[in-house]
Every structure is written in C-alpha cells, then in structure tokens.
Amino acid sequence: MAYDTATGNVVLFGGYSGSTWFTDTWTWDGSAWTQQAPPASPPGRAGGSMAYDAATSTVVAFGGQNRHGELFSGTWTWGSN
C-alpha cells in the first residue's frame, strides 16, 4: 500500500489472507474504496513493498512472494500518466 501524491489516493495491491492470494488493485480517496481494473497487473503476492516515486508521479511496487514461497524481484508501476 502506498499514498499516490499525484491523485491524493492510497493504492493497495495484492495480499494474502489464510489461503487466498489477492491480485486486485484498490484505491482509497479518503471516504471510499474503489476496485480498479488496470489493463495489466502483477501476479498475486504478499509481503511486497510500494512507494510513491515523485520523479515519475507513479506508485512503484516491488518484491513479495507467491503461494509457493518464491520471491519476486520485478517492479510494477501504477500512475495517472
């Protein structure tokens, strides 16, 4: 989860709960969560990191692991541009 300064929203991707690995993207505008439908998104993961990159006005997601414990090393971006 990371705060997107360009849009003023919080962006949430993925996660794990019990036996479910999530691959969905949500944004929080301060009053409501909205599920997003990006044209492409990374595989489901837990334990990754997200941060806002002011130079590109995007949220960058990195790392995490899948249901088999394999670690991801790629980056994905979310942004309004």
N, C-alpha and C. Protein backbone atom coordinates (compact mmCIF):
# COMPACT_ATOMS: atom_id res chain seq x y z
N MET A 1 0.85 -1.16 0.00
CA MET A 1 0.00 0.00 0.00
C MET A 1 0.90 1.23 0.00
N ALA A 2 0.49 2.25 -0.78
CA ALA A 2 1.27 3.49 -0.82
C ALA A 2 0.34 4.66 -1.13
N TYR A 3 0.74 5.84 -0.69
CA TYR A 3 -0.01 7.05 -0.97
C TYR A 3 0.44 7.62 -2.31
N ASP A 4 -0.52 7.85 -3.21
CA ASP A 4 -0.24 8.41 -4.53
C ASP A 4 -0.45 9.92 -4.45
N THR A 5 0.63 10.66 -4.34
CA THR A 5 0.56 12.11 -4.18
C THR A 5 -0.10 12.78 -5.37
N ALA A 6 0.10 12.25 -6.58
CA ALA A 6 -0.47 12.85 -7.79
C ALA A 6 -1.99 12.85 -7.77
N THR A 7 -2.60 11.79 -7.22
CA THR A 7 -4.06 11.70 -7.22
C THR A 7 -4.67 11.94 -5.85
N GLY A 8 -3.85 11.91 -4.80
CA GLY A 8 -4.37 12.06 -3.44
C GLY A 8 -5.04 10.80 -2.93
N ASN A 9 -4.78 9.67 -3.57
CA ASN A 9 -5.37 8.39 -3.18
C ASN A 9 -4.33 7.45 -2.59
N VAL A 10 -4.80 6.51 -1.79
CA VAL A 10 -3.97 5.41 -1.34
C VAL A 10 -4.19 4.26 -2.33
N VAL A 11 -3.13 3.57 -2.72
CA VAL A 11 -3.22 2.45 -3.66
C VAL A 11 -2.85 1.17 -2.91
N LEU A 12 -3.67 0.15 -3.05
CA LEU A 12 -3.45 -1.15 -2.41
C LEU A 12 -3.46 -2.22 -3.49
N PHE A 13 -2.45 -3.08 -3.48
CA PHE A 13 -2.42 -4.21 -4.40
C PHE A 13 -2.10 -5.49 -3.67
N GLY A 14 -2.79 -6.57 -4.06
CA GLY A 14 -2.45 -7.91 -3.60
C GLY A 14 -2.67 -8.14 -2.12
N GLY A 15 -1.99 -9.15 -1.63
CA GLY A 15 -2.08 -9.52 -0.23
C GLY A 15 -2.43 -10.99 -0.07
N TYR A 16 -2.50 -11.41 1.17
CA TYR A 16 -2.76 -12.81 1.50
C TYR A 16 -3.63 -12.86 2.74
N SER A 17 -4.62 -13.74 2.70
CA SER A 17 -5.48 -13.93 3.86
C SER A 17 -5.83 -15.41 3.98
N GLY A 18 -5.22 -16.09 4.91
CA GLY A 18 -5.49 -17.51 5.09
C GLY A 18 -4.98 -18.34 3.93
N SER A 19 -5.86 -18.70 3.00
CA SER A 19 -5.46 -19.49 1.84
C SER A 19 -5.69 -18.74 0.53
N THR A 20 -6.03 -17.46 0.60
CA THR A 20 -6.35 -16.67 -0.59
C THR A 20 -5.23 -15.68 -0.90
N TRP A 21 -4.75 -15.70 -2.14
CA TRP A 21 -3.75 -14.75 -2.63
C TRP A 21 -4.46 -13.76 -3.54
N PHE A 22 -4.40 -12.49 -3.20
CA PHE A 22 -5.16 -11.47 -3.93
C PHE A 22 -4.34 -10.87 -5.08
N THR A 23 -5.03 -10.59 -6.17
CA THR A 23 -4.40 -9.96 -7.34
C THR A 23 -5.12 -8.69 -7.73
N ASP A 24 -5.93 -8.15 -6.83
CA ASP A 24 -6.71 -6.98 -7.17
C ASP A 24 -6.05 -5.69 -6.70
N THR A 25 -6.45 -4.61 -7.35
CA THR A 25 -5.95 -3.27 -7.05
C THR A 25 -7.12 -2.42 -6.58
N TRP A 26 -6.90 -1.71 -5.47
CA TRP A 26 -7.92 -0.84 -4.88
C TRP A 26 -7.33 0.54 -4.63
N THR A 27 -8.17 1.56 -4.68
CA THR A 27 -7.75 2.90 -4.28
C THR A 27 -8.71 3.42 -3.20
N TRP A 28 -8.17 4.23 -2.32
CA TRP A 28 -8.92 4.86 -1.22
C TRP A 28 -8.79 6.36 -1.39
N ASP A 29 -9.91 7.06 -1.51
CA ASP A 29 -9.90 8.51 -1.73
C ASP A 29 -10.15 9.31 -0.47
N GLY A 30 -10.15 8.65 0.67
CA GLY A 30 -10.40 9.30 1.94
C GLY A 30 -11.79 9.02 2.47
N SER A 31 -12.68 8.52 1.59
CA SER A 31 -14.02 8.20 2.06
C SER A 31 -14.53 6.85 1.54
N ALA A 32 -13.96 6.34 0.45
CA ALA A 32 -14.44 5.07 -0.09
C ALA A 32 -13.33 4.32 -0.82
N TRP A 33 -13.41 2.99 -0.74
CA TRP A 33 -12.52 2.12 -1.51
C TRP A 33 -13.15 1.88 -2.87
N THR A 34 -12.34 1.91 -3.93
CA THR A 34 -12.82 1.63 -5.28
C THR A 34 -11.91 0.58 -5.90
N GLN A 35 -12.51 -0.52 -6.37
CA GLN A 35 -11.71 -1.54 -7.05
C GLN A 35 -11.38 -1.04 -8.45
N GLN A 36 -10.11 -1.16 -8.81
CA GLN A 36 -9.63 -0.71 -10.11
C GLN A 36 -9.53 -1.90 -11.07
N ALA A 37 -9.45 -1.60 -12.36
CA ALA A 37 -9.34 -2.64 -13.38
C ALA A 37 -8.22 -2.28 -14.35
N PRO A 38 -6.96 -2.34 -13.88
CA PRO A 38 -5.85 -2.00 -14.77
C PRO A 38 -5.75 -3.00 -15.93
N PRO A 39 -5.26 -2.56 -17.09
CA PRO A 39 -5.14 -3.46 -18.24
C PRO A 39 -4.13 -4.59 -18.00
N ALA A 40 -3.20 -4.39 -17.11
CA ALA A 40 -2.22 -5.42 -16.75
C ALA A 40 -1.87 -5.24 -15.28
N SER A 41 -1.58 -6.33 -14.62
CA SER A 41 -1.16 -6.25 -13.22
C SER A 41 -0.26 -7.43 -12.91
N PRO A 42 0.53 -7.30 -11.84
CA PRO A 42 1.45 -8.38 -11.49
C PRO A 42 0.71 -9.59 -10.93
N PRO A 43 1.41 -10.71 -10.84
CA PRO A 43 0.81 -11.89 -10.20
C PRO A 43 0.52 -11.60 -8.72
N GLY A 44 -0.41 -12.36 -8.15
CA GLY A 44 -0.73 -12.21 -6.74
C GLY A 44 0.51 -12.41 -5.88
N ARG A 45 0.58 -11.63 -4.81
CA ARG A 45 1.75 -11.68 -3.95
C ARG A 45 1.42 -11.15 -2.56
N ALA A 46 2.27 -11.45 -1.64
CA ALA A 46 2.18 -10.92 -0.28
C ALA A 46 3.59 -10.49 0.12
N GLY A 47 3.66 -9.53 1.02
CA GLY A 47 4.95 -9.11 1.55
C GLY A 47 5.74 -8.20 0.64
N GLY A 48 5.14 -7.68 -0.40
CA GLY A 48 5.85 -6.74 -1.27
C GLY A 48 5.87 -5.35 -0.67
N SER A 49 6.55 -4.45 -1.34
CA SER A 49 6.64 -3.06 -0.90
C SER A 49 6.11 -2.15 -1.99
N MET A 50 5.56 -1.01 -1.58
CA MET A 50 5.11 0.00 -2.52
C MET A 50 5.54 1.37 -2.02
N ALA A 51 5.88 2.25 -2.95
CA ALA A 51 6.28 3.61 -2.59
C ALA A 51 5.93 4.54 -3.74
N TYR A 52 5.75 5.81 -3.43
CA TYR A 52 5.47 6.81 -4.45
C TYR A 52 6.78 7.36 -5.00
N ASP A 53 6.89 7.43 -6.33
CA ASP A 53 8.07 7.99 -6.99
C ASP A 53 7.69 9.36 -7.56
N ALA A 54 8.12 10.41 -6.90
CA ALA A 54 7.77 11.77 -7.32
C ALA A 54 8.33 12.14 -8.68
N ALA A 55 9.46 11.55 -9.07
CA ALA A 55 10.07 11.87 -10.36
C ALA A 55 9.20 11.42 -11.53
N THR A 56 8.44 10.33 -11.35
CA THR A 56 7.61 9.82 -12.43
C THR A 56 6.11 9.92 -12.12
N SER A 57 5.77 10.43 -10.94
CA SER A 57 4.38 10.54 -10.48
C SER A 57 3.66 9.20 -10.53
N THR A 58 4.35 8.16 -10.11
CA THR A 58 3.76 6.82 -10.09
C THR A 58 4.02 6.15 -8.74
N VAL A 59 3.19 5.17 -8.44
CA VAL A 59 3.43 4.29 -7.31
C VAL A 59 4.17 3.07 -7.87
N VAL A 60 5.24 2.69 -7.20
CA VAL A 60 6.06 1.56 -7.65
C VAL A 60 5.91 0.42 -6.65
N ALA A 61 5.59 -0.76 -7.17
CA ALA A 61 5.50 -1.97 -6.34
C ALA A 61 6.71 -2.84 -6.64
N PHE A 62 7.28 -3.42 -5.59
CA PHE A 62 8.47 -4.26 -5.76
C PHE A 62 8.39 -5.46 -4.84
N GLY A 63 8.86 -6.59 -5.34
CA GLY A 63 9.08 -7.76 -4.49
C GLY A 63 7.82 -8.48 -4.04
N GLY A 64 7.96 -9.17 -2.92
CA GLY A 64 6.91 -10.01 -2.39
C GLY A 64 7.18 -11.46 -2.71
N GLN A 65 6.25 -12.31 -2.33
CA GLN A 65 6.40 -13.74 -2.61
C GLN A 65 5.06 -14.32 -3.01
N ASN A 66 5.11 -15.44 -3.75
CA ASN A 66 3.88 -16.10 -4.18
C ASN A 66 3.52 -17.22 -3.21
N ARG A 67 2.48 -17.97 -3.54
CA ARG A 67 1.98 -19.03 -2.66
C ARG A 67 2.97 -20.17 -2.44
N HIS A 68 3.98 -20.26 -3.30
CA HIS A 68 5.00 -21.30 -3.17
C HIS A 68 6.24 -20.82 -2.42
N GLY A 69 6.21 -19.58 -1.95
CA GLY A 69 7.35 -19.02 -1.23
C GLY A 69 8.42 -18.46 -2.14
N GLU A 70 8.18 -18.47 -3.46
CA GLU A 70 9.15 -17.93 -4.41
C GLU A 70 9.11 -16.40 -4.34
N LEU A 71 10.28 -15.79 -4.36
CA LEU A 71 10.38 -14.34 -4.25
C LEU A 71 10.32 -13.66 -5.62
N PHE A 72 9.61 -12.54 -5.68
CA PHE A 72 9.55 -11.71 -6.88
C PHE A 72 10.61 -10.62 -6.79
N SER A 73 11.19 -10.24 -7.93
CA SER A 73 12.17 -9.16 -7.91
C SER A 73 11.82 -8.05 -8.91
N GLY A 74 10.77 -8.19 -9.66
CA GLY A 74 10.40 -7.18 -10.65
C GLY A 74 9.66 -6.00 -10.03
N THR A 75 9.53 -4.94 -10.81
CA THR A 75 8.77 -3.78 -10.37
C THR A 75 7.57 -3.57 -11.29
N TRP A 76 6.52 -3.00 -10.72
CA TRP A 76 5.32 -2.63 -11.44
C TRP A 76 4.97 -1.21 -11.03
N THR A 77 4.38 -0.45 -11.94
CA THR A 77 4.00 0.92 -11.61
C THR A 77 2.51 1.15 -11.79
N TRP A 78 2.00 2.06 -10.99
CA TRP A 78 0.62 2.49 -11.06
C TRP A 78 0.65 4.01 -11.09
N GLY A 79 -0.01 4.60 -12.09
CA GLY A 79 0.01 6.06 -12.14
C GLY A 79 -1.05 6.62 -13.04
N SER A 80 -1.22 7.90 -12.92
CA SER A 80 -2.25 8.57 -13.69
C SER A 80 -1.73 9.04 -15.04
N ASN A 81 -0.44 8.82 -15.32
CA ASN A 81 0.09 9.27 -16.61
C ASN A 81 0.20 8.15 -17.61
